[in-house]
Amino acid sequence: MRYFVKRVVHAAVTLVSVTTITFALFRLMPGNPAQAMRAQFEADMEAGGGTADPEVLDAMVEQHIGFNPDQPWYIQYVEYLRDIILYQDFGQSYFYNEAVFDILFTAMPWSIFISVYGLALGYTTNILLGAAMAYKEGSRFDNYATVLATFLNSVPYYVGAILFLAFFGYELGLFPTGGRYNTDLQTGLNVRFMASISYHAVLPVMSSFIVGFGGGALSMRGNSIRILGEDYLRVARLRGISSTRIATRYVARNAILPLYTQMMIGIATVFSSSVLLEFIFTYPGVGWYTYDAVMRRDYPLLMGSFLFFTIVTLIGILIAEFTYGLVDPRIGSGDHSESY
């Protein structure tokens, strides 16, 4: 129990540290959020023919950014943490004029949808392909598959996304080039709407698939080949255990273990890659709003997005740490258990 509490405390300290550094950098860098918002509000009011009253501008800045810009940054930080912990208030997006929490909470399921499916598809293919490559070690199939896996592992996900969009979206017109679903359909749990969601997610999911594919297949191949040379497999064959049971219970189960931690931590990689991925496909998830916040200098929304990615990363690491002992009972769990 003490071990689990210790790991959670470490994760909490990491989260607070990242939040503190990010908050301080946003406030201390030239052109801080308060100045940027004030200039934007002033330009908008003058463009509409109004007068930019300094008191009105100060009130608008404080309302949207969630802190008093005249206070020291450390006081602003304490109040920011207080609002998050007690009221789940991450501030208000000054561009969308909505609460940051509401925006991210609405966008989160869509990012999870395309990211998790892409990751699951990638690692499932990795396991199957890597096992087949190890079984056919030295064959023509193994050589060709190794070249393919190495090539795909070196292709950046955004390059794959652009190619998918250009070829399957614009050239062939087989899939939509943007959006999460057909806005003309009635939303809800009906067949047409759910089919539209799946149809619009094909290209983003295939691009996420590239993130998790390639390197895992090579790792699975190497692990399987190493295990195939172990003495206990020779003993299993001498005992007359069937090849199917040896392949599934001995080889695959042990070879897949190193990929487990890689997959759990890879969840954070997939979510972080969604920033460009969702922008390319105009898919309004957390990544799309993060990119939009950077372009529009929407600091409250950007800060909330960074917190989201940090939390997802820490959750992935904690899940890998806490469950690795269940996946591989040989390592146990406790102070001597390390999965990353």
Foldseek 3Di string as FASTA:
>chain_A
DVQLVVLVVVLVVVLVVVLVVVLVCQLPDPPHLLNVQLVVVCVVQVVVVHHSDVVVSQVLSCQAQVHRNVDDSVVVVVSCVVCCVPPVFLGHFPVVRGTLCVLQVVQAVLLCVLQVLLLVVQLVCLLVLLLVLLVVPPDPSVVVVLVVLQVLLPDQLLVQLVVCCVPCCVVVNPADLAEQFPPVDDDDPDDRGVVRNVRNSVSSNNSSNSLRHRVSNNQLNVQLNVQVPDPVLVVCVVVVPDPVCCSPVPRSLRSCLLVQLVSLLCSLVSSCVVLSSCVRSVYPHLSVQCVVCVVSVRVSNVSVSVSVSSVSNSVSNSVCLVCSCVSPVVQPHDPRGDSD
